[in-house]
C-alpha cells in the first residue's frame, strides 16, 4: 500500500501473521507505471515488526532510492529465511498516487 498525504509518501506491507524468523525486503528502483516486469531487486533490509497487521517499509525504500515521485510504480519482493532455507518470494507492486489533501 502506498499513500501520499500532502506530499508525504508512506509505503506499507500487509503482514497477516508474524514471520517465523527473518523476512528480507528487496525493492526495485521506482519505474513507470507501464512496466510489467522487474528483474533487479536489491536488498533493502529486514522487515520491520508489524503494527496492526501492517509493516512500514518507507524508511528502507527511501534510504536506497529517495522519495518516489507520484505516478511511478514501486516493486517490492519479500522472502522468509527459516533455518537457512528460503521460501518462495512474494512480489508486490503499487502505484504512487498524487498527493491527497
Protein backbone atom coordinates (compact mmCIF):
# COMPACT_ATOMS: atom_id res chain seq x y z
CA UNK A 1 0.00 0.00 0.00
CA UNK A 2 1.35 3.41 -0.95
CA UNK A 3 -0.17 6.63 0.37
CA UNK A 4 0.66 10.23 -0.45
CA UNK A 5 -0.79 12.66 2.07
CA UNK A 6 0.23 16.24 1.40
CA UNK A 7 3.38 15.05 -0.39
CA UNK A 8 4.42 12.66 2.43
CA UNK A 9 4.84 9.18 0.94
CA UNK A 10 4.23 6.09 3.08
CA UNK A 11 4.96 2.50 1.98
CA UNK A 12 3.42 -0.35 3.96
CA UNK A 13 3.18 -4.11 3.51
CA UNK A 14 0.26 -6.17 4.80
CA UNK A 15 1.56 -8.77 7.27
CA UNK A 16 -1.30 -11.12 8.21
CA UNK A 17 0.81 -13.17 10.65
CA UNK A 18 4.21 -12.77 12.30
CA UNK A 19 7.13 -14.21 10.34
CA UNK A 20 8.85 -17.34 11.61
CA UNK A 21 12.38 -15.92 11.61
CA UNK A 22 13.78 -13.35 9.16
CA UNK A 23 11.93 -11.70 6.32
CA UNK A 24 14.11 -9.94 3.76
CA UNK A 25 12.76 -6.89 1.95
CA UNK A 26 14.06 -6.27 -1.54
CA UNK A 27 12.98 -3.41 -3.75
CA UNK A 28 13.42 -2.23 -7.30
CA UNK A 29 14.02 1.39 -8.22
CA UNK A 30 10.75 3.24 -8.97
CA UNK A 31 9.67 2.72 -12.58
CA UNK A 32 7.00 3.98 -14.98
CA UNK A 33 3.56 2.52 -14.25
CA UNK A 34 3.53 0.74 -17.61
CA UNK A 35 6.43 -1.54 -16.64
CA UNK A 36 5.08 -5.06 -16.05
CA UNK A 37 8.25 -6.95 -15.14
CA UNK A 38 11.21 -6.09 -12.93
CA UNK A 39 14.28 -8.32 -12.68
CA UNK A 40 16.60 -6.49 -10.26
CA UNK A 41 15.59 -6.37 -6.58
CA UNK A 42 18.44 -5.11 -4.35
CA UNK A 43 18.29 -5.88 -0.63
CA UNK A 44 16.69 -3.03 1.34
CA UNK A 45 16.71 -4.53 4.85
CA UNK A 46 14.78 -6.77 7.19
CA UNK A 47 11.02 -6.43 7.52
CA UNK A 48 10.18 -4.15 10.47
CA UNK A 49 7.78 -5.53 13.08
CA UNK A 50 4.14 -5.07 12.03
CA UNK A 51 1.71 -2.72 13.76
CA UNK A 52 -1.98 -3.59 13.40
CA UNK A 53 -1.11 -6.01 10.58
CA UNK A 54 0.97 -3.51 8.54
CA UNK A 55 4.74 -3.21 8.35
CA UNK A 56 6.08 0.24 7.42
CA UNK A 57 8.93 -0.05 4.91
CA UNK A 58 9.08 3.64 3.99
CA UNK A 59 12.50 4.26 5.57
CA UNK A 60 14.01 1.17 3.93
CA UNK A 61 12.92 2.22 0.45
CA UNK A 62 13.72 5.94 0.81
CA UNK A 63 17.20 5.17 2.21
CA UNK A 64 18.04 3.35 -1.05
CA UNK A 65 16.14 5.34 -3.70
CA UNK A 66 14.97 8.61 -2.18
CA UNK A 67 11.35 9.75 -2.14
CA UNK A 68 9.43 8.22 -5.06
CA UNK A 69 7.59 10.57 -7.42
CA UNK A 70 3.84 10.49 -7.83
CA UNK A 71 2.81 8.44 -10.84
CA UNK A 72 5.67 5.93 -10.58
CA UNK A 73 5.35 2.28 -9.60
CA UNK A 74 7.06 0.64 -6.64
CA UNK A 75 8.00 -3.05 -6.78
CA UNK A 76 8.79 -4.91 -3.55
CA UNK A 77 9.81 -8.55 -3.07
CA UNK A 78 9.91 -10.34 0.28
CA UNK A 79 11.07 -13.78 1.28
CA UNK A 80 11.40 -15.52 4.62
CA UNK A 81 14.59 -17.20 5.79
CA UNK A 82 13.89 -20.09 8.15
CA UNK A 83 16.78 -22.20 9.46
CA UNK A 84 18.89 -21.38 6.39
CA UNK A 85 16.09 -22.13 3.90
CA UNK A 86 14.39 -19.51 1.73
CA UNK A 87 10.69 -19.66 0.87
CA UNK A 88 9.17 -18.64 -2.46
CA UNK A 89 9.48 -14.85 -2.87
CA UNK A 90 6.32 -12.76 -2.81
CA UNK A 91 6.18 -9.74 -5.12
CA UNK A 92 4.00 -6.67 -4.63
CA UNK A 93 3.52 -3.71 -6.92
CA UNK A 94 1.83 -0.40 -6.16
CA UNK A 95 1.45 2.95 -7.88
CA UNK A 96 2.45 6.13 -6.03
CA UNK A 97 -0.69 8.28 -6.08
CA UNK A 98 -0.86 12.04 -6.49
CA UNK A 99 -0.88 13.99 -3.21
CA UNK A 100 -4.19 13.91 -1.34
CA UNK A 101 -5.20 16.70 0.97
